[in-house]
């Protein structure tokens, strides 16, 4: 009943009530897996709140001593991984080795998410392809697959995937997200926005398409519309720090530094371990001519990037260039 009530509030965009209902469903029954899916896939909770809540559920009381570790590991691999890389990897190993779930689509999906977070696009693509061999239309992993194709500039493969999804799953949000991403890649921005908008009409909580919608405005320097799209994403997907970060970037581009500071700080309060965000905060301090503070943020970003970003990450070029600018000014 708690889960059903939360689902109803989802339709009404009553986000706080949604979170309360799904959390209550867990307190009533830890095995209410649908509530976990809703909380994590809709990105309802900020990272710290998500980890604190899921890690302290009464697994032993509800699942028994023999099954508690099984449910705990299955749940942990669904969570955000900015500050908990080692915990996620440990949960993945337990699921694979202790419970024989190496070929589980959920476990493979978790591995792909970790790789994508580290910008290891080729490795993530390989895992997504393995998932597609098991289930070609496992919709949970298709957005990861789309991102990898986009970042690796595999235009033909992205077009073929989008066409296949249109033919087979034309009532799914991820289908029109794929079409939108293809149009974003070929710089047909108005077409991209049309398809991203169609995706969010099907699933109003689809974060990837809201961000794509904003990016398509940002690419044409339509700052107001981009900010509007990111702001709607932030409202509907309150657990993500990315919309606020992108709003901050839009204000930076307009040299509206006070507004940029508000949104970058808001993003930082949700996630303080994203090197991309720390780089943007360094840009803010650079524009304010606060070079020591900019250097501190760049060093923090570099420390995180060395641990979590692959050589293919597009962060490195930005990071080293910004180091050069800051040292030059100092």
C-alpha atoms as a PDB file:
ATOM      1  CA  UNK A   1       0.000   0.000   0.000  1.00  0.00           C
ATOM      2  CA  UNK A   2       2.858   2.408   0.778  1.00  0.00           C
ATOM      3  CA  UNK A   3       4.408   1.687  -2.625  1.00  0.00           C
ATOM      4  CA  UNK A   4       1.072   2.172  -4.414  1.00  0.00           C
ATOM      5  CA  UNK A   5       0.557   5.483  -2.615  1.00  0.00           C
ATOM      6  CA  UNK A   6       4.047   6.617  -3.645  1.00  0.00           C
ATOM      7  CA  UNK A   7       3.336   5.685  -7.258  1.00  0.00           C
ATOM      8  CA  UNK A   8       0.200   7.834  -7.166  1.00  0.00           C
ATOM      9  CA  UNK A   9       2.159  10.781  -5.774  1.00  0.00           C
ATOM     10  CA  UNK A  10       4.670  10.315  -8.612  1.00  0.00           C
ATOM     11  CA  UNK A  11       1.934  11.158 -11.078  1.00  0.00           C
ATOM     12  CA  UNK A  12       1.138  14.303  -9.083  1.00  0.00           C
ATOM     13  CA  UNK A  13       4.812  15.373  -8.838  1.00  0.00           C
ATOM     14  CA  UNK A  14       4.548  15.446  -5.037  1.00  0.00           C
ATOM     15  CA  UNK A  15       8.225  14.568  -4.667  1.00  0.00           C
ATOM     16  CA  UNK A  16       8.562  14.791  -0.880  1.00  0.00           C
ATOM     17  CA  UNK A  17       5.494  12.612  -0.386  1.00  0.00           C
ATOM     18  CA  UNK A  18       6.853  10.160  -2.968  1.00  0.00           C
ATOM     19  CA  UNK A  19      10.091   9.773  -1.011  1.00  0.00           C
ATOM     20  CA  UNK A  20       8.254   9.347   2.297  1.00  0.00           C
ATOM     21  CA  UNK A  21       5.960   6.657   0.882  1.00  0.00           C
ATOM     22  CA  UNK A  22       8.722   4.598  -0.720  1.00  0.00           C
ATOM     23  CA  UNK A  23      10.878   4.825   2.405  1.00  0.00           C
ATOM     24  CA  UNK A  24       7.906   3.758   4.509  1.00  0.00           C
ATOM     25  CA  UNK A  25       7.402   0.768   2.190  1.00  0.00           C
ATOM     26  CA  UNK A  26      10.933  -0.356   3.074  1.00  0.00           C
ATOM     27  CA  UNK A  27      10.344   0.056   6.782  1.00  0.00           C
ATOM     28  CA  UNK A  28       7.283  -2.159   6.485  1.00  0.00           C
ATOM     29  CA  UNK A  29       9.068  -4.747   4.323  1.00  0.00           C
ATOM     30  CA  UNK A  30      12.736  -4.644   3.304  1.00  0.00           C
ATOM     31  CA  UNK A  31      11.928  -7.026   0.450  1.00  0.00           C
ATOM     32  CA  UNK A  32       9.775  -4.408  -1.309  1.00  0.00           C
ATOM     33  CA  UNK A  33      12.184  -4.282  -4.240  1.00  0.00           C
ATOM     34  CA  UNK A  34       9.875  -2.114  -6.365  1.00  0.00           C
ATOM     35  CA  UNK A  35      10.328   0.716  -3.860  1.00  0.00           C
ATOM     36  CA  UNK A  36      14.111   0.431  -4.211  1.00  0.00           C
ATOM     37  CA  UNK A  37      13.844   0.610  -8.003  1.00  0.00           C
ATOM     38  CA  UNK A  38      11.610   3.671  -7.752  1.00  0.00           C
ATOM     39  CA  UNK A  39      13.893   5.486  -5.306  1.00  0.00           C
ATOM     40  CA  UNK A  40      17.125   4.765  -7.185  1.00  0.00           C
ATOM     41  CA  UNK A  41      16.076   4.849 -10.840  1.00  0.00           C
ATOM     42  CA  UNK A  42      14.069   8.036 -10.304  1.00  0.00           C
ATOM     43  CA  UNK A  43      17.041   9.411  -8.321  1.00  0.00           C
ATOM     44  CA  UNK A  44      14.874  10.594  -5.456  1.00  0.00           C
ATOM     45  CA  UNK A  45      17.503  10.798  -2.706  1.00  0.00           C
ATOM     46  CA  UNK A  46      20.808  12.627  -2.503  1.00  0.00           C
ATOM     47  CA  UNK A  47      23.832  10.360  -2.214  1.00  0.00           C
ATOM     48  CA  UNK A  48      24.421  10.592   1.541  1.00  0.00           C
ATOM     49  CA  UNK A  49      20.730  10.225   2.388  1.00  0.00           C
ATOM     50  CA  UNK A  50      20.439   7.274  -0.008  1.00  0.00           C
ATOM     51  CA  UNK A  51      23.415   5.431   1.505  1.00  0.00           C
ATOM     52  CA  UNK A  52      22.436   6.195   5.095  1.00  0.00           C
ATOM     53  CA  UNK A  53      18.911   4.920   4.520  1.00  0.00           C
ATOM     54  CA  UNK A  54      19.630   1.764   2.498  1.00  0.00           C
ATOM     55  CA  UNK A  55      22.653   0.666   4.554  1.00  0.00           C
ATOM     56  CA  UNK A  56      20.727   0.840   7.839  1.00  0.00           C
ATOM     57  CA  UNK A  57      17.600  -1.078   6.809  1.00  0.00           C
ATOM     58  CA  UNK A  58      16.674  -3.984   9.157  1.00  0.00           C
ATOM     59  CA  UNK A  59      17.883  -6.729   6.795  1.00  0.00           C
ATOM     60  CA  UNK A  60      18.442  -9.362   9.495  1.00  0.00           C
ATOM     61  CA  UNK A  61      15.046  -8.726  11.088  1.00  0.00           C
ATOM     62  CA  UNK A  62      13.073  -8.900   7.819  1.00  0.00           C
ATOM     63  CA  UNK A  63      15.154 -11.339   5.744  1.00  0.00           C
ATOM     64  CA  UNK A  64      16.695 -13.630   8.335  1.00  0.00           C
ATOM     65  CA  UNK A  65      20.391 -14.084   9.019  1.00  0.00           C
ATOM     66  CA  UNK A  66      20.868 -16.422   6.058  1.00  0.00           C
ATOM     67  CA  UNK A  67      19.470 -13.991   3.457  1.00  0.00           C
ATOM     68  CA  UNK A  68      20.414 -10.613   4.952  1.00  0.00           C
ATOM     69  CA  UNK A  69      23.767 -10.336   3.144  1.00  0.00           C
ATOM     70  CA  UNK A  70      22.151 -11.385  -0.141  1.00  0.00           C
ATOM     71  CA  UNK A  71      19.583  -8.584  -0.014  1.00  0.00           C
ATOM     72  CA  UNK A  72      22.115  -6.052   1.291  1.00  0.00           C
ATOM     73  CA  UNK A  73      24.557  -6.682  -1.576  1.00  0.00           C
ATOM     74  CA  UNK A  74      21.770  -6.657  -4.177  1.00  0.00           C
ATOM     75  CA  UNK A  75      20.530  -3.316  -2.862  1.00  0.00           C
ATOM     76  CA  UNK A  76      23.940  -1.679  -2.463  1.00  0.00           C
ATOM     77  CA  UNK A  77      24.843  -2.154  -6.127  1.00  0.00           C
ATOM     78  CA  UNK A  78      21.821  -0.035  -7.106  1.00  0.00           C
ATOM     79  CA  UNK A  79      23.108   3.054  -5.307  1.00  0.00           C
ATOM     80  CA  UNK A  80      25.182   6.088  -6.337  1.00  0.00           C
ATOM     81  CA  UNK A  81      28.912   5.571  -6.426  1.00  0.00           C
ATOM     82  CA  UNK A  82      30.641   8.958  -6.275  1.00  0.00           C
ATOM     83  CA  UNK A  83      31.783   8.573  -2.657  1.00  0.00           C
ATOM     84  CA  UNK A  84      31.371   4.821  -2.277  1.00  0.00           C
ATOM     85  CA  UNK A  85      33.391   3.228  -5.052  1.00  0.00           C
ATOM     86  CA  UNK A  86      34.996   0.620  -2.769  1.00  0.00           C
ATOM     87  CA  UNK A  87      31.678  -0.312  -1.108  1.00  0.00           C
ATOM     88  CA  UNK A  88      30.034  -0.780  -4.499  1.00  0.00           C
ATOM     89  CA  UNK A  89      32.883  -2.951  -5.766  1.00  0.00           C
ATOM     90  CA  UNK A  90      32.730  -5.076  -2.621  1.00  0.00           C
ATOM     91  CA  UNK A  91      28.972  -5.541  -3.025  1.00  0.00           C
ATOM     92  CA  UNK A  92      29.493  -6.477  -6.688  1.00  0.00           C
ATOM     93  CA  UNK A  93      32.097  -9.108  -5.735  1.00  0.00           C
ATOM     94  CA  UNK A  94      29.789 -10.570  -3.096  1.00  0.00           C
ATOM     95  CA  UNK A  95      26.910 -10.747  -5.563  1.00  0.00           C
ATOM     96  CA  UNK A  96      29.129 -12.411  -8.187  1.00  0.00           C
ATOM     97  CA  UNK A  97      31.165 -14.783  -6.026  1.00  0.00           C
ATOM     98  CA  UNK A  98      29.114 -15.495  -2.909  1.00  0.00           C
ATOM     99  CA  UNK A  99      25.696 -15.649  -4.549  1.00  0.00           C
ATOM    100  CA  UNK A 100      26.567 -16.792  -8.097  1.00  0.00           C
ATOM    101  CA  UNK A 101      25.097 -13.733  -9.822  1.00  0.00           C
ATOM    102  CA  UNK A 102      27.910 -13.035 -12.265  1.00  0.00           C
ATOM    103  CA  UNK A 103      25.493 -13.266 -15.214  1.00  0.00           C
ATOM    104  CA  UNK A 104      22.704 -11.388 -13.452  1.00  0.00           C
ATOM    105  CA  UNK A 105      21.626  -8.413 -15.561  1.00  0.00           C
ATOM    106  CA  UNK A 106      21.416  -6.239 -12.436  1.00  0.00           C
ATOM    107  CA  UNK A 107      24.994  -7.072 -11.451  1.00  0.00           C
ATOM    108  CA  UNK A 108      26.278  -6.500 -14.990  1.00  0.00           C
ATOM    109  CA  UNK A 109      24.362  -3.225 -15.086  1.00  0.00           C
ATOM    110  CA  UNK A 110      26.023  -2.157 -11.836  1.00  0.00           C
ATOM    111  CA  UNK A 111      29.467  -2.909 -13.286  1.00  0.00           C
ATOM    112  CA  UNK A 112      28.608  -0.859 -16.385  1.00  0.00           C
ATOM    113  CA  UNK A 113      27.498   2.079 -14.205  1.00  0.00           C
ATOM    114  CA  UNK A 114      30.785   2.020 -12.315  1.00  0.00           C
ATOM    115  CA  UNK A 115      32.761   2.007 -15.555  1.00  0.00           C
ATOM    116  CA  UNK A 116      30.705   4.866 -17.003  1.00  0.00           C
ATOM    117  CA  UNK A 117      31.187   6.942 -13.844  1.00  0.00           C
ATOM    118  CA  UNK A 118      34.937   6.566 -14.425  1.00  0.00           C
ATOM    119  CA  UNK A 119      34.564   7.504 -18.131  1.00  0.00           C
ATOM    120  CA  UNK A 120      35.841   4.075 -19.150  1.00  0.00           C
ATOM    121  CA  UNK A 121      33.635   4.163 -22.221  1.00  0.00           C
ATOM    122  CA  UNK A 122      35.132   1.248 -24.153  1.00  0.00           C
ATOM    123  CA  UNK A 123      34.964  -1.085 -21.151  1.00  0.00           C
ATOM    124  CA  UNK A 124      31.429   0.068 -20.317  1.00  0.00           C
ATOM    125  CA  UNK A 125      30.413  -0.480 -23.941  1.00  0.00           C
ATOM    126  CA  UNK A 126      31.760  -4.020 -23.778  1.00  0.00           C
ATOM    127  CA  UNK A 127      29.676  -4.799 -20.670  1.00  0.00           C
ATOM    128  CA  UNK A 128      26.577  -3.239 -22.267  1.00  0.00           C
ATOM    129  CA  UNK A 129      27.090  -5.435 -25.318  1.00  0.00           C
ATOM    130  CA  UNK A 130      27.250  -8.481 -23.037  1.00  0.00           C
ATOM    131  CA  UNK A 131      23.975  -7.392 -21.469  1.00  0.00           C
ATOM    132  CA  UNK A 132      22.403  -7.039 -24.911  1.00  0.00           C
ATOM    133  CA  UNK A 133      23.435 -10.603 -25.736  1.00  0.00           C
ATOM    134  CA  UNK A 134      21.444 -11.752 -22.705  1.00  0.00           C
ATOM    135  CA  UNK A 135      18.541  -9.371 -23.292  1.00  0.00           C
ATOM    136  CA  UNK A 136      18.680  -6.986 -26.249  1.00  0.00           C
ATOM    137  CA  UNK A 137      15.927  -4.811 -24.776  1.00  0.00           C
ATOM    138  CA  UNK A 138      16.939  -4.616 -21.137  1.00  0.00           C
ATOM    139  CA  UNK A 139      15.897  -0.964 -20.951  1.00  0.00           C
ATOM    140  CA  UNK A 140      17.760  -0.225 -17.706  1.00  0.00           C
ATOM    141  CA  UNK A 141      21.161  -0.427 -19.425  1.00  0.00           C
ATOM    142  CA  UNK A 142      20.265   1.108 -22.781  1.00  0.00           C
ATOM    143  CA  UNK A 143      20.926   4.727 -21.617  1.00  0.00           C
ATOM    144  CA  UNK A 144      24.458   3.671 -20.613  1.00  0.00           C
ATOM    145  CA  UNK A 145      24.928   2.043 -24.013  1.00  0.00           C
ATOM    146  CA  UNK A 146      23.702   5.208 -25.756  1.00  0.00           C
ATOM    147  CA  UNK A 147      26.105   7.392 -23.754  1.00  0.00           C
ATOM    148  CA  UNK A 148      29.059   5.162 -24.651  1.00  0.00           C
ATOM    149  CA  UNK A 149      28.215   5.260 -28.367  1.00  0.00           C
ATOM    150  CA  UNK A 150      27.875   9.051 -28.186  1.00  0.00           C
ATOM    151  CA  UNK A 151      31.137   9.607 -26.299  1.00  0.00           C
ATOM    152  CA  UNK A 152      33.078   7.203 -28.533  1.00  0.00           C
ATOM    153  CA  UNK A 153      31.699   9.009 -31.611  1.00  0.00           C
ATOM    154  CA  UNK A 154      30.149   5.808 -32.978  1.00  0.00           C
ATOM    155  CA  UNK A 155      27.559   7.661 -35.061  1.00  0.00           C
ATOM    156  CA  UNK A 156      26.519   4.757 -37.292  1.00  0.00           C
ATOM    157  CA  UNK A 157      26.037   2.388 -34.354  1.00  0.00           C
ATOM    158  CA  UNK A 158      24.015   5.045 -32.521  1.00  0.00           C
ATOM    159  CA  UNK A 159      21.770   5.501 -35.560  1.00  0.00           C
ATOM    160  CA  UNK A 160      21.249   1.738 -35.937  1.00  0.00           C
ATOM    161  CA  UNK A 161      20.388   1.371 -32.244  1.00  0.00           C
ATOM    162  CA  UNK A 162      17.917   4.260 -32.387  1.00  0.00           C
ATOM    163  CA  UNK A 163      16.247   2.775 -35.466  1.00  0.00           C
ATOM    164  CA  UNK A 164      16.034  -0.652 -33.843  1.00  0.00           C
ATOM    165  CA  UNK A 165      14.424   0.824 -30.739  1.00  0.00           C
ATOM    166  CA  UNK A 166      11.905   2.800 -32.807  1.00  0.00           C
ATOM    167  CA  UNK A 167      10.931  -0.413 -34.614  1.00  0.00           C
ATOM    168  CA  UNK A 168      10.645  -2.538 -31.459  1.00  0.00           C
ATOM    169  CA  UNK A 169      10.030  -0.263 -28.442  1.00  0.00           C
ATOM    170  CA  UNK A 170       8.421   2.908 -29.728  1.00  0.00           C
ATOM    171  CA  UNK A 171       6.380   3.404 -26.554  1.00  0.00           C
ATOM    172  CA  UNK A 172       9.461   3.569 -24.287  1.00  0.00           C
ATOM    173  CA  UNK A 173      11.125   6.820 -23.192  1.00  0.00           C
ATOM    174  CA  UNK A 174      14.596   5.387 -23.823  1.00  0.00           C
ATOM    175  CA  UNK A 175      13.755   4.948 -27.520  1.00  0.00           C
ATOM    176  CA  UNK A 176      13.154   8.641 -28.111  1.00  0.00           C
ATOM    177  CA  UNK A 177      16.115   9.468 -25.887  1.00  0.00           C
ATOM    178  CA  UNK A 178      18.276   7.472 -28.313  1.00  0.00           C
ATOM    179  CA  UNK A 179      16.844   9.376 -31.288  1.00  0.00           C
ATOM    180  CA  UNK A 180      17.423  12.650 -29.433  1.00  0.00           C
ATOM    181  CA  UNK A 181      21.042  11.724 -28.699  1.00  0.00           C
ATOM    182  CA  UNK A 182      21.657  10.909 -32.371  1.00  0.00           C
ATOM    183  CA  UNK A 183      20.285  14.300 -33.393  1.00  0.00           C
ATOM    184  CA  UNK A 184      22.354  15.977 -30.678  1.00  0.00           C
ATOM    185  CA  UNK A 185      25.436  14.266 -32.101  1.00  0.00           C
ATOM    186  CA  UNK A 186      24.766  15.481 -35.657  1.00  0.00           C
ATOM    187  CA  UNK A 187      23.991  18.965 -34.275  1.00  0.00           C
ATOM    188  CA  UNK A 188      20.332  19.057 -35.272  1.00  0.00           C
ATOM    189  CA  UNK A 189      19.451  20.678 -31.998  1.00  0.00           C
ATOM    190  CA  UNK A 190      15.789  21.520 -32.591  1.00  0.00           C
ATOM    191  CA  UNK A 191      15.142  17.913 -33.666  1.00  0.00           C
ATOM    192  CA  UNK A 192      17.050  16.658 -30.620  1.00  0.00           C
ATOM    193  CA  UNK A 193      14.867  18.773 -28.331  1.00  0.00           C
ATOM    194  CA  UNK A 194      11.720  17.436 -29.961  1.00  0.00           C
ATOM    195  CA  UNK A 195      12.710  13.837 -29.258  1.00  0.00           C
ATOM    196  CA  UNK A 196      14.014  14.533 -25.751  1.00  0.00           C
ATOM    197  CA  UNK A 197      10.713  16.234 -25.044  1.00  0.00           C
ATOM    198  CA  UNK A 198       8.860  13.176 -26.328  1.00  0.00           C
ATOM    199  CA  UNK A 199      10.914  10.973 -23.979  1.00  0.00           C
ATOM    200  CA  UNK A 200      10.057  13.122 -20.954  1.00  0.00           C
ATOM    201  CA  UNK A 201       6.388  13.091 -21.941  1.00  0.00           C
ATOM    202  CA  UNK A 202       6.495   9.294 -21.617  1.00  0.00           C
ATOM    203  CA  UNK A 203       8.571   9.330 -18.429  1.00  0.00           C
ATOM    204  CA  UNK A 204       8.628  12.722 -16.732  1.00  0.00           C
ATOM    205  CA  UNK A 205      11.375  11.521 -14.345  1.00  0.00           C
ATOM    206  CA  UNK A 206      13.834  10.468 -17.059  1.00  0.00           C
ATOM    207  CA  UNK A 207      16.908  12.442 -15.985  1.00  0.00           C
ATOM    208  CA  UNK A 208      19.058  11.680 -19.047  1.00  0.00           C
ATOM    209  CA  UNK A 209      16.516  13.196 -21.434  1.00  0.00           C
ATOM    210  CA  UNK A 210      15.951  16.283 -19.284  1.00  0.00           C
ATOM    211  CA  UNK A 211      19.699  16.896 -19.304  1.00  0.00           C
ATOM    212  CA  UNK A 212      19.873  16.216 -23.056  1.00  0.00           C
ATOM    213  CA  UNK A 213      17.028  18.694 -23.564  1.00  0.00           C
ATOM    214  CA  UNK A 214      18.997  21.321 -21.646  1.00  0.00           C
ATOM    215  CA  UNK A 215      22.233  20.499 -23.492  1.00  0.00           C
ATOM    216  CA  UNK A 216      20.491  21.014 -26.846  1.00  0.00           C
ATOM    217  CA  UNK A 217      19.568  24.575 -25.775  1.00  0.00           C
ATOM    218  CA  UNK A 218      23.016  25.176 -24.272  1.00  0.00           C
ATOM    219  CA  UNK A 219      24.701  24.162 -27.543  1.00  0.00           C
ATOM    220  CA  UNK A 220      22.935  27.098 -29.225  1.00  0.00           C
ATOM    221  CA  UNK A 221      23.757  29.479 -26.339  1.00  0.00           C
ATOM    222  CA  UNK A 222      20.077  29.739 -25.429  1.00  0.00           C
ATOM    223  CA  UNK A 223      20.943  30.112 -21.762  1.00  0.00           C
ATOM    224  CA  UNK A 224      17.471  30.912 -20.427  1.00  0.00           C
ATOM    225  CA  UNK A 225      15.837  27.870 -22.008  1.00  0.00           C
ATOM    226  CA  UNK A 226      18.731  25.629 -20.966  1.00  0.00           C
ATOM    227  CA  UNK A 227      18.425  26.829 -17.362  1.00  0.00           C
ATOM    228  CA  UNK A 228      14.681  26.237 -17.460  1.00  0.00           C
ATOM    229  CA  UNK A 229      15.202  22.638 -18.622  1.00  0.00           C
ATOM    230  CA  UNK A 230      17.866  21.934 -16.004  1.00  0.00           C
ATOM    231  CA  UNK A 231      15.704  23.520 -13.294  1.00  0.00           C
ATOM    232  CA  UNK A 232      12.784  21.239 -14.147  1.00  0.00           C
ATOM    233  CA  UNK A 233      15.163  18.275 -14.016  1.00  0.00           C
ATOM    234  CA  UNK A 234      16.398  19.395 -10.583  1.00  0.00           C
ATOM    235  CA  UNK A 235      12.819  19.644  -9.326  1.00  0.00           C
ATOM    236  CA  UNK A 236      11.756  16.217 -10.589  1.00  0.00           C
ATOM    237  CA  UNK A 237      15.052  14.415  -9.894  1.00  0.00           C
ATOM    238  CA  UNK A 238      16.105  15.918  -6.548  1.00  0.00           C
ATOM    239  CA  UNK A 239      18.785  13.315  -5.831  1.00  0.00           C
ATOM    240  CA  UNK A 240      20.999  14.356  -8.755  1.00  0.00           C
ATOM    241  CA  UNK A 241      23.605  17.097  -8.417  1.00  0.00           C
ATOM    242  CA  UNK A 242      24.055  17.413 -12.194  1.00  0.00           C
ATOM    243  CA  UNK A 243      21.151  19.768 -13.068  1.00  0.00           C
ATOM    244  CA  UNK A 244      22.299  22.352 -10.520  1.00  0.00           C
ATOM    245  CA  UNK A 245      25.878  22.049 -11.765  1.00  0.00           C
ATOM    246  CA  UNK A 246      24.777  22.706 -15.351  1.00  0.00           C
ATOM    247  CA  UNK A 247      22.671  25.693 -14.243  1.00  0.00           C
ATOM    248  CA  UNK A 248      25.793  27.060 -12.557  1.00  0.00           C
ATOM    249  CA  UNK A 249      27.762  26.559 -15.775  1.00  0.00           C
ATOM    250  CA  UNK A 250      25.140  28.483 -17.749  1.00  0.00           C
ATOM    251  CA  UNK A 251      25.397  31.411 -15.343  1.00  0.00           C
ATOM    252  CA  UNK A 252      29.201  31.267 -15.539  1.00  0.00           C
ATOM    253  CA  UNK A 253      29.001  31.573 -19.314  1.00  0.00           C
ATOM    254  CA  UNK A 254      26.922  34.731 -18.863  1.00  0.00           C
ATOM    255  CA  UNK A 255      29.345  36.069 -16.229  1.00  0.00           C
ATOM    256  CA  UNK A 256      26.516  36.068 -13.659  1.00  0.00           C
ATOM    257  CA  UNK A 257      28.846  34.949 -10.903  1.00  0.00           C
ATOM    258  CA  UNK A 258      26.599  35.355  -7.857  1.00  0.00           C
ATOM    259  CA  UNK A 259      23.890  33.171  -9.397  1.00  0.00           C
ATOM    260  CA  UNK A 260      26.513  30.658 -10.555  1.00  0.00           C
ATOM    261  CA  UNK A 261      27.877  30.421  -6.995  1.00  0.00           C
ATOM    262  CA  UNK A 262      24.419  29.629  -5.591  1.00  0.00           C
ATOM    263  CA  UNK A 263      23.838  26.693  -7.950  1.00  0.00           C
ATOM    264  CA  UNK A 264      27.365  25.309  -7.863  1.00  0.00           C
ATOM    265  CA  UNK A 265      27.179  25.304  -4.063  1.00  0.00           C
ATOM    266  CA  UNK A 266      23.773  23.648  -4.208  1.00  0.00           C
ATOM    267  CA  UNK A 267      25.236  20.939  -6.428  1.00  0.00           C
ATOM    268  CA  UNK A 268      28.246  20.570  -4.103  1.00  0.00           C
ATOM    269  CA  UNK A 269      25.959  20.085  -1.092  1.00  0.00           C
ATOM    270  CA  UNK A 270      24.468  17.054  -2.876  1.00  0.00           C
ATOM    271  CA  UNK A 271      27.773  15.596  -4.071  1.00  0.00           C
ATOM    272  CA  UNK A 272      31.217  16.809  -3.011  1.00  0.00           C
ATOM    273  CA  UNK A 273      33.250  14.139  -4.810  1.00  0.00           C
ATOM    274  CA  UNK A 274      32.592  14.781  -8.501  1.00  0.00           C
ATOM    275  CA  UNK A 275      35.816  16.098 -10.137  1.00  0.00           C
ATOM    276  CA  UNK A 276      33.797  17.684 -12.958  1.00  0.00           C
ATOM    277  CA  UNK A 277      31.909  19.798 -10.410  1.00  0.00           C
ATOM    278  CA  UNK A 278      35.100  20.767  -8.575  1.00  0.00           C
ATOM    279  CA  UNK A 279      36.582  21.890 -11.890  1.00  0.00           C
ATOM    280  CA  UNK A 280      33.572  24.164 -12.502  1.00  0.00           C
ATOM    281  CA  UNK A 281      33.913  25.606  -8.985  1.00  0.00           C
ATOM    282  CA  UNK A 282      37.533  26.376  -9.832  1.00  0.00           C
ATOM    283  CA  UNK A 283      36.317  28.220 -12.947  1.00  0.00           C
ATOM    284  CA  UNK A 284      34.012  30.298 -10.737  1.00  0.00           C
ATOM    285  CA  UNK A 285      36.864  31.319  -8.428  1.00  0.00           C
ATOM    286  CA  UNK A 286      39.094  32.017 -11.437  1.00  0.00           C
ATOM    287  CA  UNK A 287      36.511  34.414 -12.864  1.00  0.00           C
ATOM    288  CA  UNK A 288      36.303  36.071  -9.437  1.00  0.00           C
ATOM    289  CA  UNK A 289      40.128  36.397  -9.534  1.00  0.00           C
ATOM    290  CA  UNK A 290      40.322  34.260  -6.392  1.00  0.00           C
ATOM    291  CA  UNK A 291      43.242  32.232  -7.682  1.00  0.00           C
ATOM    292  CA  UNK A 292      44.299  30.391  -4.483  1.00  0.00           C
ATOM    293  CA  UNK A 293      40.740  29.080  -4.031  1.00  0.00           C
ATOM    294  CA  UNK A 294      40.620  28.073  -7.700  1.00  0.00           C
ATOM    295  CA  UNK A 295      43.890  26.197  -7.282  1.00  0.00           C
ATOM    296  CA  UNK A 296      42.563  24.358  -4.201  1.00  0.00           C
ATOM    297  CA  UNK A 297      39.510  23.140  -6.135  1.00  0.00           C
ATOM    298  CA  UNK A 298      41.648  22.070  -9.096  1.00  0.00           C
ATOM    299  CA  UNK A 299      43.935  20.088  -6.803  1.00  0.00           C
ATOM    300  CA  UNK A 300      40.931  18.383  -5.184  1.00  0.00           C
ATOM    301  CA  UNK A 301      39.540  17.599  -8.638  1.00  0.00           C
ATOM    302  CA  UNK A 302      42.892  16.195  -9.755  1.00  0.00           C
ATOM    303  CA  UNK A 303      43.136  13.963  -6.686  1.00  0.00           C
ATOM    304  CA  UNK A 304      39.693  12.510  -7.366  1.00  0.00           C
ATOM    305  CA  UNK A 305      40.298  12.223 -11.110  1.00  0.00           C
ATOM    306  CA  UNK A 306      43.513  10.239 -10.653  1.00  0.00           C
ATOM    307  CA  UNK A 307      41.539   7.658  -8.705  1.00  0.00           C
ATOM    308  CA  UNK A 308      38.356   7.600 -10.771  1.00  0.00           C
ATOM    309  CA  UNK A 309      38.823   8.870 -14.331  1.00  0.00           C
ATOM    310  CA  UNK A 310      40.197   6.955 -17.283  1.00  0.00           C
ATOM    311  CA  UNK A 311      42.705   8.499 -19.737  1.00  0.00           C
ATOM    312  CA  UNK A 312      39.801   8.869 -22.188  1.00  0.00           C
ATOM    313  CA  UNK A 313      37.867  11.201 -19.890  1.00  0.00           C
ATOM    314  CA  UNK A 314      37.274  14.645 -21.365  1.00  0.00           C
ATOM    315  CA  UNK A 315      37.971  16.069 -17.913  1.00  0.00           C
ATOM    316  CA  UNK A 316      41.757  15.972 -18.321  1.00  0.00           C
ATOM    317  CA  UNK A 317      41.981  18.586 -21.061  1.00  0.00           C
ATOM    318  CA  UNK A 318      39.827  21.005 -19.078  1.00  0.00           C
ATOM    319  CA  UNK A 319      41.675  20.333 -15.841  1.00  0.00           C
ATOM    320  CA  UNK A 320      45.221  20.843 -17.119  1.00  0.00           C
ATOM    321  CA  UNK A 321      44.236  23.888 -19.167  1.00  0.00           C
ATOM    322  CA  UNK A 322      42.650  25.444 -16.080  1.00  0.00           C
ATOM    323  CA  UNK A 323      45.728  24.680 -14.001  1.00  0.00           C
ATOM    324  CA  UNK A 324      47.757  26.548 -16.619  1.00  0.00           C
ATOM    325  CA  UNK A 325      45.418  29.566 -16.570  1.00  0.00           C
ATOM    326  CA  UNK A 326      45.474  29.776 -12.767  1.00  0.00           C
ATOM    327  CA  UNK A 327      49.267  29.496 -12.504  1.00  0.00           C
ATOM    328  CA  UNK A 328      49.651  32.098 -15.273  1.00  0.00           C
ATOM    329  CA  UNK A 329      47.456  34.572 -13.341  1.00  0.00           C
ATOM    330  CA  UNK A 330      49.194  33.860 -10.045  1.00  0.00           C
END
